[in-house]
Protein backbone atom coordinates (compact mmCIF):
# COMPACT_ATOMS: atom_id res chain seq x y z
CA MET A 1 81.34 74.96 -6.92
CA PRO A 2 79.23 72.78 -8.87
CA ARG A 3 78.22 73.73 -12.44
CA ARG A 4 74.67 74.94 -13.11
CA LYS A 5 73.00 72.68 -15.69
CA ARG A 6 70.23 74.10 -18.18
CA THR A 7 67.72 72.97 -20.49
CA ALA A 8 67.96 74.21 -24.07
CA GLY A 9 64.73 76.31 -24.87
CA SER A 10 63.25 76.32 -21.33
CA SER A 11 62.03 79.36 -19.78
CA SER A 12 63.65 81.30 -16.94
CA ASP A 13 63.34 84.22 -14.77
CA GLY A 14 65.08 87.52 -14.92
CA THR A 15 68.31 86.58 -12.96
CA GLU A 16 69.12 83.39 -14.94
CA ASP A 17 68.60 85.32 -18.28
CA SER A 18 71.33 87.89 -17.21
CA ASP A 19 73.55 85.02 -16.20
CA PHE A 20 72.98 83.13 -19.48
CA SER A 21 73.82 86.35 -21.24
CA ALA A 22 76.94 86.66 -19.57
CA ASP A 23 77.96 83.09 -20.05
CA LEU A 24 77.13 83.33 -23.76
CA GLU A 25 79.43 86.43 -24.32
CA HIS A 26 82.14 84.76 -22.47
CA VAL A 27 82.10 81.92 -24.63
CA LYS A 28 82.11 83.83 -27.79
CA ALA A 29 85.11 85.89 -26.65
CA ALA A 30 86.89 82.70 -26.02
CA VAL A 31 86.08 81.13 -29.14
CA ARG A 32 87.27 84.28 -30.76
CA ALA A 33 90.62 83.84 -29.11
CA ARG A 34 90.92 80.19 -29.93
CA ARG A 35 90.51 81.11 -33.57
CA ARG A 36 93.24 83.55 -33.63
CA SER A 37 95.47 80.92 -32.22
CA SER A 38 94.31 77.55 -33.52
CA THR A 39 92.92 76.51 -36.88
CA ARG A 40 91.68 73.32 -35.55
CA LEU A 41 89.33 75.28 -33.39
CA THR A 42 87.82 76.80 -36.45
CA ARG A 43 87.26 73.31 -38.25
CA ALA A 44 85.45 71.84 -34.96
CA SER A 45 83.38 75.06 -34.49
CA LEU A 46 82.31 74.86 -38.49
CA ARG A 47 81.38 71.23 -38.08
CA LEU A 48 79.39 71.42 -34.98
CA SER A 49 77.93 74.58 -36.30
CA GLN A 50 76.46 72.73 -39.29
CA SER A 51 74.76 70.13 -37.04
CA SER A 52 73.59 72.32 -34.37
CA GLN A 53 70.08 71.43 -34.89
CA ASP A 54 70.79 67.71 -34.39
CA ALA A 55 72.63 68.74 -31.32
CA LYS A 56 69.37 70.78 -30.01
CA GLN A 57 67.22 67.85 -30.29
CA GLY A 58 69.55 65.16 -29.23
CA VAL A 59 71.05 66.87 -25.92
CA ASP A 60 69.11 67.36 -23.10
CA GLN A 61 71.35 68.95 -20.66
CA ASP A 62 74.58 71.00 -20.94
CA GLU A 63 76.93 72.40 -18.42
CA THR A 64 77.63 76.23 -18.56
CA PRO A 65 81.11 77.66 -18.29
CA PRO A 66 83.30 77.42 -15.08
CA ARG A 67 82.62 80.42 -12.62
CA THR A 68 84.96 82.33 -10.74
CA PRO A 69 85.44 81.96 -6.92
CA THR A 70 83.04 84.72 -6.51
CA GLY A 71 80.17 83.00 -8.32
CA ASN A 72 80.12 85.39 -11.28
CA ALA A 73 80.91 84.51 -14.56
CA PRO A 74 84.35 85.64 -15.96
CA SER A 75 84.50 88.95 -17.60
CA SER A 76 87.57 88.93 -19.79
CA GLU A 77 89.41 86.79 -21.90
CA SER A 78 92.50 86.58 -19.35
CA ASP A 79 89.89 84.81 -16.80
CA ILE A 80 89.77 81.62 -19.13
CA ASP A 81 92.44 79.18 -19.55
CA VAL A 82 93.17 79.00 -23.37
CA SER A 83 96.38 77.39 -22.92
CA SER A 84 95.45 73.62 -23.54
CA PRO A 85 95.84 72.61 -27.11
CA SER A 86 93.61 69.51 -27.07
CA ASN A 87 90.97 68.97 -29.44
CA ASP A 88 88.51 67.93 -26.59
CA HIS A 89 88.69 71.27 -25.13
CA ASP A 90 88.10 73.18 -28.43
CA GLU A 91 85.22 71.05 -29.47
CA ARG A 92 83.59 71.55 -25.69
CA LEU A 93 83.88 75.33 -26.34
CA ALA A 94 82.43 75.14 -29.82
CA LYS A 95 79.55 72.68 -28.55
CA GLU A 96 78.56 75.01 -25.83
CA LEU A 97 78.62 77.90 -28.36
CA SER A 98 76.25 76.07 -30.92
CA LEU A 99 73.74 75.01 -28.10
CA LYS A 100 73.68 78.47 -26.38
CA GLU A 101 72.92 80.15 -29.68
CA ALA A 102 70.30 77.53 -30.58
CA ALA A 103 68.73 78.30 -26.92
CA ALA A 104 68.71 82.06 -27.30
CA HIS A 105 66.93 81.69 -30.99
CA ASP A 106 64.26 79.06 -29.61
CA LEU A 107 61.19 81.25 -28.78
CA SER A 108 58.67 78.51 -28.64
CA HIS A 109 58.17 78.87 -24.82
CA ARG A 110 57.13 82.75 -25.55
CA PRO A 111 53.54 83.38 -26.48
CA LYS A 112 52.81 83.94 -30.26
CA ARG A 113 52.06 87.32 -31.14
CA ARG A 114 48.86 87.84 -33.09
CA ARG A 115 49.35 88.71 -36.69
CA PHE A 116 46.21 90.90 -37.50
CA HIS A 117 47.14 90.97 -41.29
CA GLU A 118 46.59 87.02 -41.76
CA SER A 119 42.89 87.43 -40.20
CA TYR A 120 41.79 91.07 -41.07
CA ASN A 121 41.48 92.72 -44.37
CA PHE A 122 42.20 96.68 -43.38
CA ASN A 123 40.48 97.86 -46.49
CA MET A 124 37.30 96.51 -44.98
CA LYS A 125 35.33 99.13 -42.90
CA CYS A 126 32.31 98.87 -40.56
CA PRO A 127 28.92 100.21 -42.47
CA THR A 128 28.03 102.21 -39.32
CA PRO A 129 28.43 106.13 -39.82
CA GLY A 130 31.46 107.56 -37.90
CA CYS A 131 32.79 104.12 -36.68
CA ASN A 132 36.43 103.56 -37.00
CA SER A 133 36.21 99.57 -37.03
CA LEU A 134 38.29 99.27 -33.85
CA GLY A 135 37.01 97.14 -31.13
CA HIS A 136 34.41 94.42 -30.89
CA LEU A 137 31.25 93.80 -29.16
CA THR A 138 32.39 90.66 -27.62
CA GLY A 139 35.64 92.35 -25.99
CA ARG A 140 37.70 89.82 -27.57
CA HIS A 141 38.76 91.06 -31.06
CA GLU A 142 40.83 94.05 -32.05
CA ARG A 143 38.82 94.99 -35.05
CA HIS A 144 35.07 94.31 -36.63
CA PHE A 145 33.69 95.06 -40.12
CA SER A 146 30.12 94.39 -39.56
CA ILE A 147 27.16 95.85 -37.47
CA SER A 148 26.70 92.68 -35.56
CA GLY A 149 30.02 93.08 -33.95
CA CYS A 150 30.12 97.19 -33.96
CA PRO A 151 30.35 98.71 -30.33
CA LEU A 152 29.25 102.07 -31.83
CA TYR A 153 26.00 100.78 -33.10
CA HIS A 154 25.23 99.06 -29.68
CA ASN A 155 25.72 102.47 -28.14
CA LEU A 156 28.97 101.02 -26.23
CA SER A 157 32.68 101.87 -26.44
CA ALA A 158 35.59 99.24 -27.10
CA ASP A 159 36.54 99.61 -23.64
CA GLU A 160 32.89 98.84 -22.03
CA CYS A 161 32.79 95.85 -24.36
CA LYS A 162 36.05 94.52 -22.92
CA GLY A 163 34.70 95.34 -19.40
CA LYS A 164 31.46 93.48 -19.93
CA ALA A 165 33.48 90.59 -21.35
CA THR A 166 35.83 90.36 -18.19
CA THR A 167 32.43 90.25 -16.13
CA ARG A 168 30.96 87.41 -18.31
CA ASP A 169 34.11 85.20 -18.00
CA LYS A 170 34.04 85.73 -13.99
CA GLN A 171 30.32 84.75 -14.12
CA SER A 172 30.92 81.86 -16.34
CA GLU A 173 33.79 80.46 -13.85
CA GLU A 174 31.53 80.91 -10.85
CA ARG A 175 28.59 78.83 -12.63
CA THR A 176 31.02 76.13 -13.61
CA LEU A 177 32.16 75.87 -10.03
CA THR A 178 28.88 75.79 -8.83
CA HIS A 179 27.83 72.96 -11.28
CA ARG A 180 30.99 70.77 -10.05
CA GLN A 181 29.94 71.59 -6.49
CA ASP A 182 26.42 69.93 -7.40
CA GLU A 183 27.65 67.06 -9.21
CA ASN A 184 27.45 64.56 -6.19
CA ARG A 185 23.74 65.30 -6.24
CA HIS A 186 21.32 62.71 -7.54
CA SER A 187 19.64 64.11 -10.83
CA THR A 188 15.90 63.45 -10.60
CA ARG A 189 13.03 65.16 -12.24
CA HIS A 190 11.28 66.52 -9.35
CA GLN A 191 14.25 67.42 -7.17
CA ALA A 192 14.12 70.50 -5.17
CA PRO A 193 16.49 73.32 -5.95
CA THR A 194 19.49 73.81 -3.96
CA GLU A 195 20.03 76.90 -1.31
CA GLY A 196 22.17 78.69 -3.91
CA GLN A 197 19.58 78.25 -6.52
CA GLN A 198 16.84 79.35 -4.57
CA ARG A 199 18.68 82.50 -3.54
CA TYR A 200 19.42 83.03 -7.34
CA LYS A 201 16.02 82.84 -8.39
CA ASP A 202 14.74 85.18 -5.43
CA LYS A 203 17.46 87.73 -6.55
CA VAL A 204 16.10 87.45 -10.22
CA THR A 205 12.56 87.95 -8.94
CA GLU A 206 13.43 91.08 -7.05
CA LEU A 207 15.53 92.59 -10.03
CA ARG A 208 12.42 92.23 -12.33
CA ARG A 209 10.22 93.62 -9.55
CA LYS A 210 12.21 96.88 -9.29
CA ARG A 211 11.82 97.53 -13.05
CA ASN A 212 10.10 100.90 -13.50
CA SER A 213 6.89 100.77 -15.10
CA GLY A 214 7.20 103.64 -17.33
CA LEU A 215 9.80 106.48 -18.85
CA ASN A 216 9.95 110.03 -17.42
CA LYS A 217 9.99 113.05 -19.28
CA GLU A 218 13.91 113.16 -19.31
CA GLN A 219 14.31 109.81 -20.44
CA LYS A 220 11.51 110.16 -23.23
CA GLU A 221 13.24 113.27 -24.54
CA LYS A 222 16.60 111.60 -24.45
CA TYR A 223 15.29 108.57 -26.55
CA THR A 224 13.44 110.89 -28.98
CA GLU A 225 16.70 112.79 -29.34
CA HIS A 226 18.75 109.72 -29.99
CA ARG A 227 16.17 108.39 -32.58
CA GLN A 228 16.05 111.66 -34.32
CA SER A 229 19.93 112.16 -34.46
CA HIS A 230 20.59 108.61 -35.75
CA GLY A 231 17.88 106.84 -36.93
CA THR A 232 18.37 103.19 -37.97
CA SER A 233 22.18 103.84 -37.85
CA ARG A 234 22.42 102.95 -34.25
CA GLU A 235 20.58 100.64 -32.10
CA PRO A 236 17.59 102.23 -29.99
CA LEU A 237 18.55 102.82 -26.20
CA LEU A 238 17.20 99.85 -24.33
CA GLU A 239 17.53 100.98 -20.79
CA ASN A 240 14.30 100.92 -18.68
CA ILE A 241 12.55 99.10 -21.32
CA THR A 242 12.97 96.07 -19.41
CA SER A 243 14.69 94.71 -16.22
CA ASP A 244 18.34 95.26 -15.92
CA TYR A 245 18.61 91.39 -15.63
CA ASP A 246 16.69 90.74 -18.82
CA LEU A 247 18.67 93.38 -20.56
CA GLU A 248 22.02 91.62 -19.63
CA LEU A 249 20.71 88.49 -20.77
CA PHE A 250 19.80 90.44 -24.26
CA ARG A 251 23.31 91.88 -24.15
CA LYS A 252 24.96 88.40 -23.45
CA ALA A 253 23.15 86.73 -26.27
CA GLN A 254 23.88 89.57 -28.57
CA ALA A 255 27.89 89.02 -27.78
CA ARG A 256 27.73 85.50 -28.20
CA ALA A 257 25.93 85.63 -31.49
CA SER A 258 28.35 88.20 -32.73
CA ASP A 259 31.33 85.86 -31.43
CA ASP A 260 29.87 82.88 -33.44
CA LEU A 261 29.97 85.11 -36.54
CA GLU A 262 33.33 86.35 -35.89
CA LYS A 263 34.60 82.49 -35.81
CA LEU A 264 32.95 81.75 -39.00
CA ARG A 265 34.42 84.89 -40.67
CA LEU A 266 38.11 83.90 -39.36
CA ALA A 267 37.46 80.04 -40.25
CA GLY A 268 36.71 81.50 -43.86
CA GLN A 269 33.17 80.11 -43.78
CA VAL A 270 31.90 83.43 -43.80
CA SER A 271 33.73 85.61 -46.40
CA GLU A 272 34.70 89.52 -46.00
CA GLY A 273 32.35 91.58 -47.89
CA SER A 274 29.99 88.93 -49.26
CA ASN A 275 26.51 89.60 -49.33
CA MET A 276 27.02 93.03 -47.41
CA ILE A 277 24.03 94.60 -49.40
CA LYS A 278 21.14 93.66 -47.17
CA THR A 279 18.60 96.29 -48.33
CA ILE A 280 18.09 98.77 -51.25
CA VAL A 281 15.66 101.64 -51.57
CA PHE A 282 14.35 101.62 -54.74
CA GLY A 283 11.69 104.23 -55.49
CA ARG A 284 9.22 104.14 -52.54
CA PHE A 285 10.22 100.83 -51.55
CA GLU A 286 12.74 99.44 -49.36
CA LEU A 287 13.58 96.07 -50.49
CA ASP A 288 15.29 93.13 -48.73
CA THR A 289 17.94 91.23 -50.66
CA TRP A 290 18.15 87.70 -51.09
CA TYR A 291 21.30 86.70 -52.68
CA HIS A 292 24.82 88.35 -53.27
CA SER A 293 25.39 90.52 -56.30
CA PRO A 294 28.72 91.53 -57.51
CA TYR A 295 28.61 95.25 -57.07
CA PRO A 296 31.97 97.35 -56.74
CA GLU A 297 33.57 96.55 -53.32
CA GLU A 298 32.99 100.42 -52.11
CA TYR A 299 29.31 99.74 -52.72
CA ALA A 300 29.22 96.02 -51.37
CA ARG A 301 30.70 96.78 -48.06
CA LEU A 302 27.52 99.09 -47.28
CA GLY A 303 24.66 97.81 -45.59
CA ARG A 304 22.26 99.60 -47.99
CA LEU A 305 22.18 100.87 -51.65
CA PHE A 306 20.29 103.62 -52.71
CA MET A 307 18.73 103.31 -56.48
CA CYS A 308 17.27 105.60 -59.27
CA GLU A 309 14.40 103.47 -60.14
CA PHE A 310 14.45 105.08 -63.65
CA CYS A 311 18.27 104.92 -64.62
CA LEU A 312 19.14 102.38 -62.05
CA LYS A 313 22.22 104.14 -61.15
CA TYR A 314 23.17 103.00 -57.63
CA MET A 315 24.58 105.47 -54.74
CA LYS A 316 25.45 105.35 -51.17
CA SER A 317 23.33 107.79 -49.28
CA GLN A 318 19.83 109.33 -49.38
CA THR A 319 21.31 112.73 -50.11
CA ILE A 320 23.43 111.60 -53.10
CA LEU A 321 20.05 110.03 -54.40
CA ARG A 322 17.95 112.96 -53.75
CA ARG A 323 20.58 115.13 -55.68
CA HIS A 324 20.52 112.73 -58.50
CA MET A 325 16.68 112.81 -58.69
CA ALA A 326 16.63 116.46 -58.95
CA LYS A 327 18.71 116.13 -61.99
CA CYS A 328 17.72 112.71 -63.56
CA VAL A 329 15.77 113.36 -66.86
CA TRP A 330 14.80 109.78 -67.08
CA LYS A 331 11.16 108.73 -66.59
CA HIS A 332 11.05 105.59 -68.34
CA PRO A 333 13.56 102.70 -69.57
CA PRO A 334 15.80 103.65 -72.71
CA GLY A 335 14.96 101.92 -75.93
CA ASP A 336 11.75 101.58 -77.95
CA GLU A 337 8.19 101.24 -76.44
CA ILE A 338 6.77 98.10 -78.35
CA TYR A 339 3.49 97.37 -76.10
CA ARG A 340 1.13 99.75 -74.38
CA LYS A 341 -2.05 98.48 -72.98
CA GLY A 342 -3.72 100.83 -69.95
CA ASN A 343 -0.88 101.57 -67.81
CA ILE A 344 1.28 98.62 -68.70
CA SER A 345 4.14 99.18 -70.97
CA VAL A 346 7.01 97.11 -72.46
CA PHE A 347 10.37 98.57 -73.71
CA GLU A 348 13.06 96.75 -76.03
CA VAL A 349 16.52 97.73 -74.92
CA ASP A 350 19.40 96.80 -76.80
CA GLY A 351 22.56 95.73 -74.64
CA LYS A 352 24.76 97.18 -77.23
CA LYS A 353 23.19 100.47 -77.50
CA ASN A 354 22.20 100.99 -73.82
CA LYS A 355 25.23 98.98 -72.01
CA ILE A 356 25.33 100.56 -68.55
CA TYR A 357 21.67 100.57 -68.24
CA CYS A 358 21.48 96.76 -68.91
CA GLN A 359 24.60 96.17 -66.67
CA ASN A 360 22.88 97.86 -63.79
CA LEU A 361 19.59 95.83 -64.58
CA CYS A 362 21.64 92.56 -64.54
CA LEU A 363 23.18 93.55 -61.13
CA LEU A 364 19.88 94.48 -59.59
CA ALA A 365 18.55 91.31 -60.98
CA LYS A 366 21.19 89.05 -59.37
CA LEU A 367 20.21 90.43 -55.81
CA PHE A 368 17.04 88.40 -56.17
CA LEU A 369 18.20 85.45 -58.48
CA ASP A 370 20.42 82.68 -57.59
CA HIS A 371 21.41 81.34 -60.92
CA LYS A 372 22.19 84.40 -62.79
CA THR A 373 25.80 84.62 -64.20
CA LEU A 374 25.34 87.26 -66.59
CA TYR A 375 26.47 90.95 -65.32
CA TYR A 376 28.56 92.61 -67.69
CA ASP A 377 28.48 90.90 -71.30
CA VAL A 378 25.26 92.39 -72.18
CA GLU A 379 25.82 93.12 -75.75
CA PRO A 380 24.54 89.92 -77.22
CA PHE A 381 21.13 90.17 -75.56
CA LEU A 382 17.97 92.13 -76.07
CA PHE A 383 16.06 93.14 -72.71
CA TYR A 384 12.35 93.49 -72.66
CA VAL A 385 11.42 95.80 -69.66
CA MET A 386 7.95 95.86 -68.38
CA THR A 387 6.78 98.85 -66.36
CA GLU A 388 3.86 100.44 -64.61
CA ALA A 389 3.09 104.17 -65.58
CA ASP A 390 1.85 106.70 -63.17
CA ASN A 391 1.85 110.55 -63.15
CA THR A 392 5.76 110.42 -61.96
CA GLY A 393 6.84 107.99 -64.56
CA CYS A 394 7.15 104.53 -65.65
CA HIS A 395 8.03 102.07 -62.60
CA LEU A 396 9.87 99.21 -63.07
CA VAL A 397 7.82 96.12 -62.85
CA GLY A 398 10.37 93.14 -64.38
CA TYR A 399 11.79 92.34 -67.11
CA PHE A 400 13.29 89.38 -69.18
CA SER A 401 16.45 89.06 -71.64
CA LYS A 402 16.96 86.81 -74.76
CA GLU A 403 19.98 86.44 -77.09
CA LYS A 404 19.60 88.01 -80.35
CA ASN A 405 20.84 84.92 -82.15
CA SER A 406 19.79 81.53 -80.31
CA PHE A 407 20.78 78.29 -81.86
CA LEU A 408 18.64 76.45 -79.63
CA ASN A 409 15.55 78.80 -79.70
CA TYR A 410 15.49 80.12 -76.32
CA ASN A 411 13.00 82.86 -76.00
CA VAL A 412 14.20 83.85 -72.72
CA SER A 413 17.46 83.88 -70.95
CA CYS A 414 16.96 85.46 -67.78
CA ILE A 415 13.47 86.49 -66.00
CA LEU A 416 12.54 88.62 -63.04
CA THR A 417 9.66 90.18 -61.47
CA MET A 418 10.34 92.82 -58.85
CA PRO A 419 9.58 91.65 -55.31
CA GLN A 420 7.21 94.55 -54.64
CA TYR A 421 4.98 93.25 -57.82
CA MET A 422 5.30 89.36 -57.17
CA ARG A 423 2.00 87.44 -56.74
CA GLN A 424 -0.21 89.84 -58.66
CA GLY A 425 0.11 88.39 -62.17
CA TYR A 426 3.08 90.32 -63.77
CA GLY A 427 5.11 87.05 -63.98
CA LYS A 428 2.64 85.37 -66.10
CA MET A 429 2.51 88.41 -68.32
CA LEU A 430 6.12 88.58 -68.72
CA ILE A 431 6.01 84.80 -69.73
CA ASP A 432 3.10 85.35 -72.04
CA PHE A 433 4.60 88.11 -73.68
CA SER A 434 7.71 86.12 -74.57
CA TYR A 435 5.73 83.55 -76.12
CA LEU A 436 3.93 86.11 -78.12
CA LEU A 437 7.15 87.38 -79.47
CA SER A 438 7.81 83.71 -80.38
CA LYS A 439 4.68 83.61 -82.39
CA VAL A 440 5.40 86.93 -84.44
CA GLU A 441 8.70 85.51 -85.00
CA GLU A 442 7.33 82.05 -86.01
CA LYS A 443 9.22 79.92 -83.84
CA VAL A 444 8.59 77.58 -81.13
CA GLY A 445 10.26 78.78 -77.98
CA SER A 446 11.43 77.51 -74.28
CA PRO A 447 12.97 79.19 -71.48
CA GLU A 448 16.98 78.87 -70.81
CA ARG A 449 17.82 76.49 -68.20
CA PRO A 450 18.56 76.28 -65.32
CA LEU A 451 15.39 77.89 -63.93
CA SER A 452 15.34 79.59 -60.61
CA ASP A 453 12.82 78.17 -58.04
CA LEU A 454 10.31 80.62 -58.43
CA GLY A 455 10.80 80.69 -62.14
CA LEU A 456 10.24 77.18 -62.39
CA ILE A 457 6.90 77.69 -60.44
CA SER A 458 5.71 80.18 -62.73
CA TYR A 459 6.48 78.48 -65.84
CA ARG A 460 4.64 75.26 -64.60
CA SER A 461 1.70 77.22 -63.98
CA TYR A 462 1.71 79.14 -67.25
CA TRP A 463 2.00 75.98 -69.25
CA LYS A 464 -0.67 74.23 -67.35
CA ASP A 465 -2.81 77.45 -68.31
CA VAL A 466 -2.23 77.33 -71.84
CA LEU A 467 -2.89 73.53 -72.22
CA LEU A 468 -6.16 73.62 -70.31
CA ARG A 469 -7.04 76.60 -72.53
CA TYR A 470 -6.36 75.09 -75.68
CA LEU A 471 -8.02 71.56 -74.58
CA ASN A 472 -11.23 73.70 -73.58
CA SER A 473 -11.61 75.07 -76.88
CA PHE A 474 -10.46 72.17 -78.90
CA GLN A 475 -13.47 70.22 -80.68
CA GLY A 476 -11.73 67.46 -82.52
CA LYS A 477 -11.41 63.74 -81.59
CA GLU A 478 -7.79 63.35 -82.51
CA ILE A 479 -4.85 65.86 -80.99
CA SER A 480 -1.25 65.93 -81.56
CA ILE A 481 1.77 67.46 -79.59
CA LYS A 482 3.03 68.94 -82.81
CA GLU A 483 -0.19 70.91 -83.18
CA ILE A 484 -0.54 72.40 -79.74
CA SER A 485 3.14 73.48 -79.97
CA GLN A 486 2.66 75.33 -83.34
CA GLU A 487 -0.60 76.95 -81.91
CA THR A 488 0.79 77.94 -78.55
CA ALA A 489 4.76 78.46 -79.62
CA VAL A 490 5.66 76.13 -76.43
CA ASN A 491 8.37 73.66 -76.84
CA PRO A 492 6.97 69.88 -77.34
CA VAL A 493 9.32 68.86 -74.53
CA ASP A 494 7.64 71.22 -72.21
CA ILE A 495 4.03 70.37 -73.55
CA VAL A 496 5.14 66.51 -72.68
CA SER A 497 6.30 67.31 -69.08
CA THR A 498 3.23 69.33 -68.26
CA LEU A 499 0.98 66.67 -69.54
CA GLN A 500 2.65 64.10 -67.55
CA SER A 501 2.67 66.13 -64.43
CA LEU A 502 -1.27 66.66 -65.06
CA GLN A 503 -1.55 62.80 -65.61
CA MET A 504 -3.16 63.42 -68.89
CA LEU A 505 -0.61 61.21 -71.09
CA LYS A 506 -0.81 57.55 -71.04
CA TYR A 507 0.88 54.97 -72.86
CA TRP A 508 -1.70 52.23 -74.28
CA LYS A 509 -1.19 49.55 -77.05
CA GLY A 510 2.27 51.13 -78.20
CA LYS A 511 0.96 54.69 -78.47
CA HIS A 512 0.73 57.74 -76.18
CA LEU A 513 -2.50 59.23 -75.61
CA VAL A 514 -3.71 62.53 -74.58
CA LEU A 515 -6.51 62.32 -72.17
CA LYS A 516 -8.83 65.27 -71.83
CA ARG A 517 -9.59 65.42 -68.16
CA GLN A 518 -12.89 67.56 -67.92
CA ASP A 519 -12.57 67.83 -63.95
CA LEU A 520 -9.18 69.82 -64.51
CA ILE A 521 -10.66 71.96 -67.31
CA ASP A 522 -13.64 72.66 -64.98
CA ASP A 523 -11.49 73.77 -62.15
CA TRP A 524 -9.60 75.93 -64.49
CA LYS A 525 -12.58 77.59 -65.95
CA ALA A 526 -13.83 78.29 -62.35
CA LYS A 527 -10.49 80.02 -61.42
CA GLU A 528 -10.39 82.07 -64.70
CA THR A 529 -13.80 83.52 -64.01
CA LYS A 530 -12.89 84.26 -60.60
CA ARG A 531 -9.57 85.86 -61.79
CA GLY A 532 -10.96 88.18 -64.34
CA ASN A 533 -9.10 89.48 -67.43
CA GLY A 534 -7.11 91.95 -65.31
CA LYS A 535 -3.56 91.12 -65.93
CA THR A 536 -3.23 89.63 -69.55
CA ILE A 537 -1.41 90.42 -72.82
CA ASP A 538 -3.26 91.74 -75.61
CA PRO A 539 -1.75 90.88 -78.84
CA THR A 540 -3.24 93.78 -81.08
CA ALA A 541 -1.39 96.15 -78.65
CA LEU A 542 2.04 94.85 -79.84
CA LYS A 543 3.64 97.25 -82.31
CA TRP A 544 7.02 95.19 -83.08
CA THR A 545 8.94 93.50 -86.13
CA PRO A 546 11.50 91.02 -85.19
CA PRO A 547 14.96 92.42 -85.47
CA LYS A 548 16.86 91.47 -88.73
CA GLY A 549 20.34 91.21 -87.41
CA THR A 550 22.82 92.04 -84.52
């Protein structure tokens, strides 16, 4: 009977696997018998076992052991002829053993199991309340960690998402087949639609025509109950809002966008847990965040944080915040109130004495600042917090920090105006207040670099106002940069850059001249008259002496 040939590592059906296993067991038994009778076989087996990897790559085919007249592999040692003492026979048996073992361990033909621990962080959780993070909106992934991939948020189950994914795949295959059939048609701009395209268009038109014009009473009650039960933690019910066809298009777009985000996350371009805080509830405001802030992981993975606007403590839910507000005794920042004019106050807070408050303030500021790097080492800094007072307390408007001992005479290390108070003049008030402190200290100050985009705009606007105000009141014939710096406490470098941007600094006959442009001064005076004196710092309202040590 001819011997059956087999390629190492090739796939086979169940019958061939059973014959192969029997062959392998038989060869092992034969080799054990030969080891008991001959030491030469042991040496040959050892040599060929060590080179089994080379034999696997170099040998394409091998022959199986001889079969019995019935066609089955021998079942005992007595069925094998072991009387031949030749080395060729020994080497052949050892060679067969090595190749069979190599083939048995070669699993390249089998599909690889997905190793979830390489692509998923099981410490992460979906921010949707009540979700176990299983399933995915696309129906192609086993887990999710964001609202965009959460089936529960979209009022679906994991099985429903998988069923929708199968339907989308079938539709995609049908569409591809249709496109292939139409490839032979000449593509012209005014080409008439095919019969299939016309049928599809009529079908879509009919589906959109069948859409109900409104919701019945039961549907309205169902939608209202869903909104009251889940609020913003679930997507609103979308049925009957538009046609079934348009709703399905919207669902496909959601699934495609979620799939793209998941691919970016698995590729490492979107890191898990980064910038997960999308909004914060701060007092009576709900603020969208701009940048990532290094809050603890258990808070960072939440979609929303709740903060006490007085002590800046951050919490996980509205209920915890409500309980905290009932017990919180803070109505203004800690530290000394060094300025008050009307309802505007400024508090000086020492980072060493009020460490927790200052750390929470830095974490809050990082949500709206890109270049900020100070979070926890707050002891070498003083924080000047501006507030707006009403009958409920002093509400945070903004702040700036400065080093207690700055060798470069920086009067601001970090400055922030809260988003709800931007474009109201508070940023210039904070900058003006920092230069007022520099005047009291009899120093020339400058902000620490790099400045954020909004910070640079605010400072350039402030320097422009200071210079034009000074030139408007200046009556002499000769002016120097040094005198302007001593009068305004602005660094000469900042003065020169501002004059250059205003085209008021010229080089003539080996000297730099400051040009007094009356047109710019007149425009500034008109804006000042229109603006009024609402948001300004009054130096007489400052009650402060420079600190003498750390």
